[in-house]
């Protein structure tokens, strides 16, 4: 599994080569959210077609554990070859780029 820092992901987004897949629950996204494809974990199988294959996809959750599990499943079971895990999740993103957002 590949792990990217929020700095690496931000650079990838700015270049247009990367997107974030936010797998947190709706109530978590209501607390704070960033520009991302939002698909809660429990809807992932139904919405798999919304995950791009032409860009690198950084899977994000609150701190990283759920993202690791989902990224592994996407790579191993669904043969995605463009998946990385955002180290530190939205907590790390808020600390680095969005201190104005509420953390939880």
PDB file of N, CA and C in Angstrom:
ATOM      1  N   UNK A   1       0.843  -1.178   0.000  1.00  0.00           N
ATOM      2  CA  UNK A   1       0.000   0.000   0.000  1.00  0.00           C
ATOM      3  C   UNK A   1       0.887   1.241   0.000  1.00  0.00           C
ATOM      4  N   UNK A   2       0.492   2.237  -0.746  1.00  0.00           N
ATOM      5  CA  UNK A   2       1.233   3.492  -0.804  1.00  0.00           C
ATOM      6  C   UNK A   2       0.578   4.512   0.127  1.00  0.00           C
ATOM      7  N   UNK A   3       1.409   5.225   0.853  1.00  0.00           N
ATOM      8  CA  UNK A   3       0.946   6.258   1.776  1.00  0.00           C
ATOM      9  C   UNK A   3       1.517   7.594   1.327  1.00  0.00           C
ATOM     10  N   UNK A   4       0.656   8.599   1.207  1.00  0.00           N
ATOM     11  CA  UNK A   4       1.095   9.931   0.808  1.00  0.00           C
ATOM     12  C   UNK A   4       0.796  10.909   1.928  1.00  0.00           C
ATOM     13  N   UNK A   5       1.701  11.853   2.103  1.00  0.00           N
ATOM     14  CA  UNK A   5       1.482  12.924   3.073  1.00  0.00           C
ATOM     15  C   UNK A   5       0.466  13.913   2.493  1.00  0.00           C
ATOM     16  N   UNK A   6      -0.080  14.755   3.352  1.00  0.00           N
ATOM     17  CA  UNK A   6      -1.024  15.761   2.858  1.00  0.00           C
ATOM     18  C   UNK A   6      -0.328  16.734   1.913  1.00  0.00           C
ATOM     19  N   UNK A   7       0.968  16.978   2.125  1.00  0.00           N
ATOM     20  CA  UNK A   7       1.712  17.845   1.196  1.00  0.00           C
ATOM     21  C   UNK A   7       1.775  17.227  -0.196  1.00  0.00           C
ATOM     22  N   UNK A   8       2.081  15.931  -0.267  1.00  0.00           N
ATOM     23  CA  UNK A   8       2.141  15.243  -1.562  1.00  0.00           C
ATOM     24  C   UNK A   8       0.770  15.237  -2.241  1.00  0.00           C
ATOM     25  N   UNK A   9      -0.270  15.037  -1.457  1.00  0.00           N
ATOM     26  CA  UNK A   9      -1.626  15.014  -2.019  1.00  0.00           C
ATOM     27  C   UNK A   9      -2.024  16.395  -2.510  1.00  0.00           C
ATOM     28  N   UNK A  10      -1.713  17.413  -1.747  1.00  0.00           N
ATOM     29  CA  UNK A  10      -2.024  18.775  -2.171  1.00  0.00           C
ATOM     30  C   UNK A  10      -1.326  19.098  -3.488  1.00  0.00           C
ATOM     31  N   UNK A  11      -0.070  18.715  -3.626  1.00  0.00           N
ATOM     32  CA  UNK A  11       0.667  18.925  -4.872  1.00  0.00           C
ATOM     33  C   UNK A  11      -0.010  18.179  -6.023  1.00  0.00           C
ATOM     34  N   UNK A  12      -0.422  16.935  -5.775  1.00  0.00           N
ATOM     35  CA  UNK A  12      -1.107  16.149  -6.797  1.00  0.00           C
ATOM     36  C   UNK A  12      -2.429  16.762  -7.228  1.00  0.00           C
ATOM     37  N   UNK A  13      -3.172  17.300  -6.263  1.00  0.00           N
ATOM     38  CA  UNK A  13      -4.450  17.947  -6.577  1.00  0.00           C
ATOM     39  C   UNK A  13      -4.207  19.199  -7.412  1.00  0.00           C
ATOM     40  N   UNK A  14      -3.232  20.004  -6.999  1.00  0.00           N
ATOM     41  CA  UNK A  14      -2.930  21.247  -7.723  1.00  0.00           C
ATOM     42  C   UNK A  14      -2.525  20.971  -9.170  1.00  0.00           C
ATOM     43  N   UNK A  15      -1.879  19.835  -9.404  1.00  0.00           N
ATOM     44  CA  UNK A  15      -1.449  19.492 -10.769  1.00  0.00           C
ATOM     45  C   UNK A  15      -2.556  18.822 -11.581  1.00  0.00           C
ATOM     46  N   UNK A  16      -3.675  18.487 -10.912  1.00  0.00           N
ATOM     47  CA  UNK A  16      -4.774  17.826 -11.606  1.00  0.00           C
ATOM     48  C   UNK A  16      -4.593  16.328 -11.762  1.00  0.00           C
ATOM     49  N   UNK A  17      -3.565  15.765 -11.136  1.00  0.00           N
ATOM     50  CA  UNK A  17      -3.279  14.340 -11.272  1.00  0.00           C
ATOM     51  C   UNK A  17      -3.859  13.499 -10.141  1.00  0.00           C
ATOM     52  N   UNK A  18      -4.500  14.153  -9.164  1.00  0.00           N
ATOM     53  CA  UNK A  18      -4.964  13.423  -7.993  1.00  0.00           C
ATOM     54  C   UNK A  18      -6.287  13.991  -7.500  1.00  0.00           C
ATOM     55  N   UNK A  19      -7.104  13.103  -6.931  1.00  0.00           N
ATOM     56  CA  UNK A  19      -8.343  13.497  -6.260  1.00  0.00           C
ATOM     57  C   UNK A  19      -8.386  12.795  -4.907  1.00  0.00           C
ATOM     58  N   UNK A  20      -9.222  13.320  -4.026  1.00  0.00           N
ATOM     59  CA  UNK A  20      -9.411  12.710  -2.710  1.00  0.00           C
ATOM     60  C   UNK A  20     -10.745  11.983  -2.700  1.00  0.00           C
ATOM     61  N   UNK A  21     -10.748  10.782  -2.154  1.00  0.00           N
ATOM     62  CA  UNK A  21     -11.967  10.014  -1.918  1.00  0.00           C
ATOM     63  C   UNK A  21     -12.199  10.007  -0.416  1.00  0.00           C
ATOM     64  N   UNK A  22     -13.219  10.725   0.023  1.00  0.00           N
ATOM     65  CA  UNK A  22     -13.567  10.841   1.442  1.00  0.00           C
ATOM     66  C   UNK A  22     -14.577   9.754   1.767  1.00  0.00           C
ATOM     67  N   UNK A  23     -14.184   8.794   2.599  1.00  0.00           N
ATOM     68  CA  UNK A  23     -15.058   7.652   2.908  1.00  0.00           C
ATOM     69  C   UNK A  23     -15.730   7.790   4.274  1.00  0.00           C
ATOM     70  N   UNK A  24     -15.644   8.982   4.866  1.00  0.00           N
ATOM     71  CA  UNK A  24     -16.269   9.191   6.168  1.00  0.00           C
ATOM     72  C   UNK A  24     -17.796   9.200   6.035  1.00  0.00           C
ATOM     73  N   UNK A  25     -18.458   9.026   7.163  1.00  0.00           N
ATOM     74  CA  UNK A  25     -19.921   9.046   7.195  1.00  0.00           C
ATOM     75  C   UNK A  25     -20.439  10.467   6.982  1.00  0.00           C
ATOM     76  N   UNK A  26     -21.702  10.578   6.577  1.00  0.00           N
ATOM     77  CA  UNK A  26     -22.288  11.891   6.293  1.00  0.00           C
ATOM     78  C   UNK A  26     -22.191  12.821   7.494  1.00  0.00           C
ATOM     79  N   UNK A  27     -22.466  12.322   8.690  1.00  0.00           N
ATOM     80  CA  UNK A  27     -22.426  13.196   9.871  1.00  0.00           C
ATOM     81  C   UNK A  27     -21.012  13.745  10.097  1.00  0.00           C
ATOM     82  N   UNK A  28     -19.980  12.975   9.706  1.00  0.00           N
ATOM     83  CA  UNK A  28     -18.609  13.462   9.837  1.00  0.00           C
ATOM     84  C   UNK A  28     -18.331  14.567   8.818  1.00  0.00           C
ATOM     85  N   UNK A  29     -18.829  14.375   7.609  1.00  0.00           N
ATOM     86  CA  UNK A  29     -18.654  15.390   6.572  1.00  0.00           C
ATOM     87  C   UNK A  29     -19.424  16.660   6.912  1.00  0.00           C
ATOM     88  N   UNK A  30     -20.526  16.514   7.644  1.00  0.00           N
ATOM     89  CA  UNK A  30     -21.282  17.685   8.076  1.00  0.00           C
ATOM     90  C   UNK A  30     -20.487  18.520   9.077  1.00  0.00           C
ATOM     91  N   UNK A  31     -19.617  17.888   9.844  1.00  0.00           N
ATOM     92  CA  UNK A  31     -18.782  18.609  10.811  1.00  0.00           C
ATOM     93  C   UNK A  31     -17.714  19.408  10.069  1.00  0.00           C
ATOM     94  N   UNK A  32     -17.036  18.757   9.142  1.00  0.00           N
ATOM     95  CA  UNK A  32     -16.010  19.434   8.345  1.00  0.00           C
ATOM     96  C   UNK A  32     -15.795  18.641   7.065  1.00  0.00           C
ATOM     97  N   UNK A  33     -15.548  19.363   5.991  1.00  0.00           N
ATOM     98  CA  UNK A  33     -15.271  18.675   4.733  1.00  0.00           C
ATOM     99  C   UNK A  33     -14.365  19.532   3.871  1.00  0.00           C
ATOM    100  N   UNK A  34     -13.695  18.866   2.960  1.00  0.00           N
ATOM    101  CA  UNK A  34     -12.839  19.518   1.983  1.00  0.00           C
ATOM    102  C   UNK A  34     -13.278  19.047   0.605  1.00  0.00           C
ATOM    103  N   UNK A  35     -12.729  19.632  -0.435  1.00  0.00           N
ATOM    104  CA  UNK A  35     -13.118  19.227  -1.787  1.00  0.00           C
ATOM    105  C   UNK A  35     -12.675  17.792  -2.024  1.00  0.00           C
ATOM    106  N   UNK A  36     -13.658  16.921  -2.206  1.00  0.00           N
ATOM    107  CA  UNK A  36     -13.386  15.490  -2.356  1.00  0.00           C
ATOM    108  C   UNK A  36     -14.607  14.801  -2.929  1.00  0.00           C
ATOM    109  N   UNK A  37     -14.384  13.606  -3.442  1.00  0.00           N
ATOM    110  CA  UNK A  37     -15.487  12.715  -3.807  1.00  0.00           C
ATOM    111  C   UNK A  37     -15.936  12.075  -2.495  1.00  0.00           C
ATOM    112  N   UNK A  38     -17.165  12.314  -2.094  1.00  0.00           N
ATOM    113  CA  UNK A  38     -17.639  11.800  -0.809  1.00  0.00           C
ATOM    114  C   UNK A  38     -18.517  10.572  -1.024  1.00  0.00           C
ATOM    115  N   UNK A  39     -17.979   9.429  -0.628  1.00  0.00           N
ATOM    116  CA  UNK A  39     -18.712   8.170  -0.694  1.00  0.00           C
ATOM    117  C   UNK A  39     -18.505   7.456   0.642  1.00  0.00           C
ATOM    118  N   UNK A  40     -19.510   7.442   1.501  1.00  0.00           N
ATOM    119  CA  UNK A  40     -19.354   6.731   2.777  1.00  0.00           C
ATOM    120  C   UNK A  40     -19.017   5.254   2.555  1.00  0.00           C
ATOM    121  N   UNK A  41     -18.253   4.694   3.486  1.00  0.00           N
ATOM    122  CA  UNK A  41     -17.821   3.297   3.356  1.00  0.00           C
ATOM    123  C   UNK A  41     -18.959   2.352   3.028  1.00  0.00           C
ATOM    124  N   UNK A  42     -20.096   2.526   3.684  1.00  0.00           N
ATOM    125  CA  UNK A  42     -21.189   1.578   3.491  1.00  0.00           C
ATOM    126  C   UNK A  42     -21.882   1.727   2.134  1.00  0.00           C
ATOM    127  N   UNK A  43     -21.549   2.757   1.367  1.00  0.00           N
ATOM    128  CA  UNK A  43     -22.120   2.941   0.026  1.00  0.00           C
ATOM    129  C   UNK A  43     -21.114   2.631  -1.079  1.00  0.00           C
ATOM    130  N   UNK A  44     -19.908   2.284  -0.692  1.00  0.00           N
ATOM    131  CA  UNK A  44     -18.819   2.138  -1.650  1.00  0.00           C
ATOM    132  C   UNK A  44     -19.115   1.129  -2.754  1.00  0.00           C
ATOM    133  N   UNK A  45     -19.642  -0.029  -2.407  1.00  0.00           N
ATOM    134  CA  UNK A  45     -19.905  -1.057  -3.414  1.00  0.00           C
ATOM    135  C   UNK A  45     -20.948  -0.606  -4.427  1.00  0.00           C
ATOM    136  N   UNK A  46     -21.918   0.177  -3.980  1.00  0.00           N
ATOM    137  CA  UNK A  46     -22.975   0.655  -4.867  1.00  0.00           C
ATOM    138  C   UNK A  46     -22.509   1.799  -5.765  1.00  0.00           C
ATOM    139  N   UNK A  47     -21.439   2.491  -5.361  1.00  0.00           N
ATOM    140  CA  UNK A  47     -21.005   3.694  -6.072  1.00  0.00           C
ATOM    141  C   UNK A  47     -19.580   3.582  -6.615  1.00  0.00           C
ATOM    142  N   UNK A  48     -19.118   2.361  -6.784  1.00  0.00           N
ATOM    143  CA  UNK A  48     -17.756   2.096  -7.254  1.00  0.00           C
ATOM    144  C   UNK A  48     -17.448   2.823  -8.571  1.00  0.00           C
ATOM    145  N   UNK A  49     -18.455   2.977  -9.420  1.00  0.00           N
ATOM    146  CA  UNK A  49     -18.257   3.623 -10.721  1.00  0.00           C
ATOM    147  C   UNK A  49     -17.915   5.112 -10.597  1.00  0.00           C
ATOM    148  N   UNK A  50     -18.084   5.698  -9.421  1.00  0.00           N
ATOM    149  CA  UNK A  50     -17.760   7.112  -9.210  1.00  0.00           C
ATOM    150  C   UNK A  50     -16.286   7.327  -8.878  1.00  0.00           C
ATOM    151  N   UNK A  51     -15.548   6.253  -8.674  1.00  0.00           N
ATOM    152  CA  UNK A  51     -14.130   6.359  -8.338  1.00  0.00           C
ATOM    153  C   UNK A  51     -13.341   6.395  -9.639  1.00  0.00           C
ATOM    154  N   UNK A  52     -12.634   7.503  -9.899  1.00  0.00           N
ATOM    155  CA  UNK A  52     -11.900   7.595 -11.164  1.00  0.00           C
ATOM    156  C   UNK A  52     -10.737   6.618 -11.234  1.00  0.00           C
ATOM    157  N   UNK A  53     -10.437   6.193 -12.434  1.00  0.00           N
ATOM    158  CA  UNK A  53      -9.286   5.308 -12.658  1.00  0.00           C
ATOM    159  C   UNK A  53      -8.171   6.030 -13.417  1.00  0.00           C
ATOM    160  N   UNK A  54      -8.456   7.230 -13.925  1.00  0.00           N
ATOM    161  CA  UNK A  54      -7.459   7.954 -14.710  1.00  0.00           C
ATOM    162  C   UNK A  54      -6.609   8.911 -13.878  1.00  0.00           C
ATOM    163  N   UNK A  55      -6.976   9.107 -12.621  1.00  0.00           N
ATOM    164  CA  UNK A  55      -6.200   9.941 -11.705  1.00  0.00           C
ATOM    165  C   UNK A  55      -5.816   9.110 -10.483  1.00  0.00           C
ATOM    166  N   UNK A  56      -4.783   9.544  -9.779  1.00  0.00           N
ATOM    167  CA  UNK A  56      -4.478   8.905  -8.505  1.00  0.00           C
ATOM    168  C   UNK A  56      -5.559   9.294  -7.513  1.00  0.00           C
ATOM    169  N   UNK A  57      -6.044   8.320  -6.742  1.00  0.00           N
ATOM    170  CA  UNK A  57      -7.115   8.550  -5.769  1.00  0.00           C
ATOM    171  C   UNK A  57      -6.534   8.365  -4.374  1.00  0.00           C
ATOM    172  N   UNK A  58      -6.572   9.435  -3.588  1.00  0.00           N
ATOM    173  CA  UNK A  58      -6.108   9.397  -2.200  1.00  0.00           C
ATOM    174  C   UNK A  58      -7.310   9.133  -1.300  1.00  0.00           C
ATOM    175  N   UNK A  59      -7.343   7.980  -0.672  1.00  0.00           N
ATOM    176  CA  UNK A  59      -8.463   7.610   0.198  1.00  0.00           C
ATOM    177  C   UNK A  59      -8.254   8.263   1.558  1.00  0.00           C
ATOM    178  N   UNK A  60      -9.303   8.921   2.051  1.00  0.00           N
ATOM    179  CA  UNK A  60      -9.216   9.683   3.287  1.00  0.00           C
ATOM    180  C   UNK A  60     -10.360   9.341   4.230  1.00  0.00           C
ATOM    181  N   UNK A  61     -10.036   9.251   5.504  1.00  0.00           N
ATOM    182  CA  UNK A  61     -11.048   9.155   6.553  1.00  0.00           C
ATOM    183  C   UNK A  61     -10.663  10.178   7.630  1.00  0.00           C
ATOM    184  N   UNK A  62     -11.038   9.931   8.864  1.00  0.00           N
ATOM    185  CA  UNK A  62     -10.705  10.883   9.925  1.00  0.00           C
ATOM    186  C   UNK A  62      -9.212  10.891  10.225  1.00  0.00           C
ATOM    187  N   UNK A  63      -8.642   9.698  10.477  1.00  0.00           N
ATOM    188  CA  UNK A  63      -7.234   9.628  10.873  1.00  0.00           C
ATOM    189  C   UNK A  63      -6.411   8.649  10.038  1.00  0.00           C
ATOM    190  N   UNK A  64      -7.042   7.747   9.305  1.00  0.00           N
ATOM    191  CA  UNK A  64      -6.299   6.879   8.412  1.00  0.00           C
ATOM    192  C   UNK A  64      -6.605   5.397   8.464  1.00  0.00           C
ATOM    193  N   UNK A  65      -7.154   4.880   9.546  1.00  0.00           N
ATOM    194  CA  UNK A  65      -7.362   3.424   9.669  1.00  0.00           C
ATOM    195  C   UNK A  65      -8.404   2.901   8.686  1.00  0.00           C
ATOM    196  N   UNK A  66      -9.546   3.562   8.595  1.00  0.00           N
ATOM    197  CA  UNK A  66     -10.572   3.116   7.637  1.00  0.00           C
ATOM    198  C   UNK A  66     -10.068   3.263   6.213  1.00  0.00           C
ATOM    199  N   UNK A  67      -9.322   4.330   5.948  1.00  0.00           N
ATOM    200  CA  UNK A  67      -8.776   4.557   4.608  1.00  0.00           C
ATOM    201  C   UNK A  67      -7.842   3.424   4.205  1.00  0.00           C
ATOM    202  N   UNK A  68      -7.041   2.940   5.141  1.00  0.00           N
ATOM    203  CA  UNK A  68      -6.152   1.810   4.850  1.00  0.00           C
ATOM    204  C   UNK A  68      -6.958   0.588   4.429  1.00  0.00           C
ATOM    205  N   UNK A  69      -8.009   0.279   5.165  1.00  0.00           N
ATOM    206  CA  UNK A  69      -8.829  -0.895   4.864  1.00  0.00           C
ATOM    207  C   UNK A  69      -9.510  -0.759   3.503  1.00  0.00           C
ATOM    208  N   UNK A  70     -10.071   0.404   3.224  1.00  0.00           N
ATOM    209  CA  UNK A  70     -10.763   0.623   1.953  1.00  0.00           C
ATOM    210  C   UNK A  70      -9.769   0.605   0.795  1.00  0.00           C
ATOM    211  N   UNK A  71      -8.625   1.247   0.958  1.00  0.00           N
ATOM    212  CA  UNK A  71      -7.619   1.252  -0.102  1.00  0.00           C
ATOM    213  C   UNK A  71      -7.171  -0.171  -0.422  1.00  0.00           C
ATOM    214  N   UNK A  72      -6.936  -0.957   0.599  1.00  0.00           N
ATOM    215  CA  UNK A  72      -6.531  -2.350   0.399  1.00  0.00           C
ATOM    216  C   UNK A  72      -7.603  -3.125  -0.365  1.00  0.00           C
ATOM    217  N   UNK A  73      -8.850  -2.943   0.008  1.00  0.00           N
ATOM    218  CA  UNK A  73      -9.952  -3.623  -0.666  1.00  0.00           C
ATOM    219  C   UNK A  73     -10.056  -3.197  -2.130  1.00  0.00           C
ATOM    220  N   UNK A  74      -9.898  -1.895  -2.401  1.00  0.00           N
ATOM    221  CA  UNK A  74      -9.980  -1.417  -3.782  1.00  0.00           C
ATOM    222  C   UNK A  74      -8.866  -2.002  -4.642  1.00  0.00           C
ATOM    223  N   UNK A  75      -7.677  -2.115  -4.083  1.00  0.00           N
ATOM    224  CA  UNK A  75      -6.533  -2.645  -4.826  1.00  0.00           C
ATOM    225  C   UNK A  75      -6.646  -4.157  -5.011  1.00  0.00           C
ATOM    226  N   UNK A  76      -6.891  -4.875  -3.915  1.00  0.00           N
ATOM    227  CA  UNK A  76      -6.859  -6.336  -3.950  1.00  0.00           C
ATOM    228  C   UNK A  76      -8.107  -6.930  -4.598  1.00  0.00           C
ATOM    229  N   UNK A  77      -9.268  -6.452  -4.208  1.00  0.00           N
ATOM    230  CA  UNK A  77     -10.511  -7.075  -4.676  1.00  0.00           C
ATOM    231  C   UNK A  77     -11.072  -6.464  -5.959  1.00  0.00           C
ATOM    232  N   UNK A  78     -10.765  -5.188  -6.211  1.00  0.00           N
ATOM    233  CA  UNK A  78     -11.364  -4.519  -7.368  1.00  0.00           C
ATOM    234  C   UNK A  78     -10.319  -4.034  -8.368  1.00  0.00           C
ATOM    235  N   UNK A  79      -9.065  -4.390  -8.144  1.00  0.00           N
ATOM    236  CA  UNK A  79      -7.976  -4.205  -9.103  1.00  0.00           C
ATOM    237  C   UNK A  79      -7.717  -2.755  -9.519  1.00  0.00           C
ATOM    238  N   UNK A  80      -7.955  -1.825  -8.599  1.00  0.00           N
ATOM    239  CA  UNK A  80      -7.558  -0.443  -8.845  1.00  0.00           C
ATOM    240  C   UNK A  80      -6.033  -0.376  -8.711  1.00  0.00           C
ATOM    241  N   UNK A  81      -5.382   0.339  -9.615  1.00  0.00           N
ATOM    242  CA  UNK A  81      -3.927   0.481  -9.520  1.00  0.00           C
ATOM    243  C   UNK A  81      -3.515   1.934  -9.276  1.00  0.00           C
ATOM    244  N   UNK A  82      -4.474   2.755  -8.889  1.00  0.00           N
ATOM    245  CA  UNK A  82      -4.240   4.186  -8.721  1.00  0.00           C
ATOM    246  C   UNK A  82      -4.611   4.686  -7.319  1.00  0.00           C
ATOM    247  N   UNK A  83      -4.546   3.812  -6.328  1.00  0.00           N
ATOM    248  CA  UNK A  83      -5.025   4.122  -4.984  1.00  0.00           C
ATOM    249  C   UNK A  83      -3.862   4.352  -4.025  1.00  0.00           C
ATOM    250  N   UNK A  84      -3.976   5.429  -3.223  1.00  0.00           N
ATOM    251  CA  UNK A  84      -3.038   5.700  -2.139  1.00  0.00           C
ATOM    252  C   UNK A  84      -3.839   6.047  -0.895  1.00  0.00           C
ATOM    253  N   UNK A  85      -3.173   6.028   0.256  1.00  0.00           N
ATOM    254  CA  UNK A  85      -3.811   6.382   1.523  1.00  0.00           C
ATOM    255  C   UNK A  85      -3.289   7.744   1.973  1.00  0.00           C
ATOM    256  N   UNK A  86      -4.201   8.621   2.375  1.00  0.00           N
ATOM    257  CA  UNK A  86      -3.796   9.910   2.933  1.00  0.00           C
ATOM    258  C   UNK A  86      -3.362   9.706   4.379  1.00  0.00           C
ATOM    259  N   UNK A  87      -2.081   9.921   4.647  1.00  0.00           N
ATOM    260  CA  UNK A  87      -1.566   9.772   6.009  1.00  0.00           C
ATOM    261  C   UNK A  87      -2.182  10.830   6.916  1.00  0.00           C
ATOM    262  N   UNK A  88      -2.753  10.390   8.029  1.00  0.00           N
ATOM    263  CA  UNK A  88      -3.299  11.319   9.011  1.00  0.00           C
ATOM    264  C   UNK A  88      -4.706  11.789   8.747  1.00  0.00           C
ATOM    265  N   UNK A  89      -5.275  11.429   7.604  1.00  0.00           N
ATOM    266  CA  UNK A  89      -6.658  11.762   7.291  1.00  0.00           C
ATOM    267  C   UNK A  89      -6.961  13.250   7.327  1.00  0.00           C
ATOM    268  N   UNK A  90      -8.244  13.537   7.547  1.00  0.00           N
ATOM    269  CA  UNK A  90      -8.657  14.939   7.529  1.00  0.00           C
ATOM    270  C   UNK A  90      -8.054  15.713   8.694  1.00  0.00           C
ATOM    271  N   UNK A  91      -7.705  15.016   9.765  1.00  0.00           N
ATOM    272  CA  UNK A  91      -7.064  15.690  10.897  1.00  0.00           C
ATOM    273  C   UNK A  91      -5.753  16.334  10.438  1.00  0.00           C
ATOM    274  N   UNK A  92      -4.938  15.589   9.695  1.00  0.00           N
ATOM    275  CA  UNK A  92      -3.670  16.124   9.189  1.00  0.00           C
ATOM    276  C   UNK A  92      -3.913  17.250   8.192  1.00  0.00           C
ATOM    277  N   UNK A  93      -4.942  17.091   7.340  1.00  0.00           N
ATOM    278  CA  UNK A  93      -5.250  18.125   6.349  1.00  0.00           C
ATOM    279  C   UNK A  93      -5.638  19.427   7.040  1.00  0.00           C
ATOM    280  N   UNK A  94      -6.485  19.335   8.052  1.00  0.00           N
ATOM    281  CA  UNK A  94      -6.911  20.526   8.787  1.00  0.00           C
ATOM    282  C   UNK A  94      -5.708  21.208   9.438  1.00  0.00           C
ATOM    283  N   UNK A  95      -4.850  20.421  10.074  1.00  0.00           N
ATOM    284  CA  UNK A  95      -3.675  20.989  10.739  1.00  0.00           C
ATOM    285  C   UNK A  95      -2.764  21.730   9.762  1.00  0.00           C
ATOM    286  N   UNK A  96      -2.664  21.234   8.529  1.00  0.00           N
ATOM    287  CA  UNK A  96      -1.734  21.809   7.554  1.00  0.00           C
ATOM    288  C   UNK A  96      -2.364  22.886   6.676  1.00  0.00           C
ATOM    289  N   UNK A  97      -3.592  22.651   6.199  1.00  0.00           N
ATOM    290  CA  UNK A  97      -4.163  23.517   5.174  1.00  0.00           C
ATOM    291  C   UNK A  97      -5.482  24.194   5.521  1.00  0.00           C
ATOM    292  N   UNK A  98      -6.153  23.760   6.552  1.00  0.00           N
ATOM    293  CA  UNK A  98      -7.509  24.277   6.790  1.00  0.00           C
ATOM    294  C   UNK A  98      -7.790  24.456   8.284  1.00  0.00           C
ATOM    295  N   UNK A  99      -6.945  25.220   8.944  1.00  0.00           N
ATOM    296  CA  UNK A  99      -7.088  25.403  10.397  1.00  0.00           C
ATOM    297  C   UNK A  99      -8.407  26.072  10.770  1.00  0.00           C
ATOM    298  N   UNK A 100      -9.072  26.664   9.811  1.00  0.00           N
ATOM    299  CA  UNK A 100     -10.367  27.290  10.074  1.00  0.00           C
ATOM    300  C   UNK A 100     -11.495  26.259  10.225  1.00  0.00           C
ATOM    301  N   UNK A 101     -11.266  25.031   9.783  1.00  0.00           N
ATOM    302  CA  UNK A 101     -12.294  23.986   9.898  1.00  0.00           C
ATOM    303  C   UNK A 101     -12.304  23.383  11.287  1.00  0.00           C
ATOM    304  N   UNK A 102     -13.489  22.958  11.693  1.00  0.00           N
ATOM    305  CA  UNK A 102     -13.641  22.280  12.992  1.00  0.00           C
ATOM    306  C   UNK A 102     -13.087  20.875  12.894  1.00  0.00           C
ATOM    307  N   UNK A 103     -12.297  20.493  13.879  1.00  0.00           N
ATOM    308  CA  UNK A 103     -11.788  19.136  13.949  1.00  0.00           C
ATOM    309  C   UNK A 103     -12.619  18.358  14.971  1.00  0.00           C
ATOM    310  N   UNK A 104     -12.612  17.060  14.874  1.00  0.00           N
ATOM    311  CA  UNK A 104     -13.387  16.254  15.802  1.00  0.00           C
ATOM    312  C   UNK A 104     -12.651  14.996  16.160  1.00  0.00           C
TER     313      UNK A 104
END
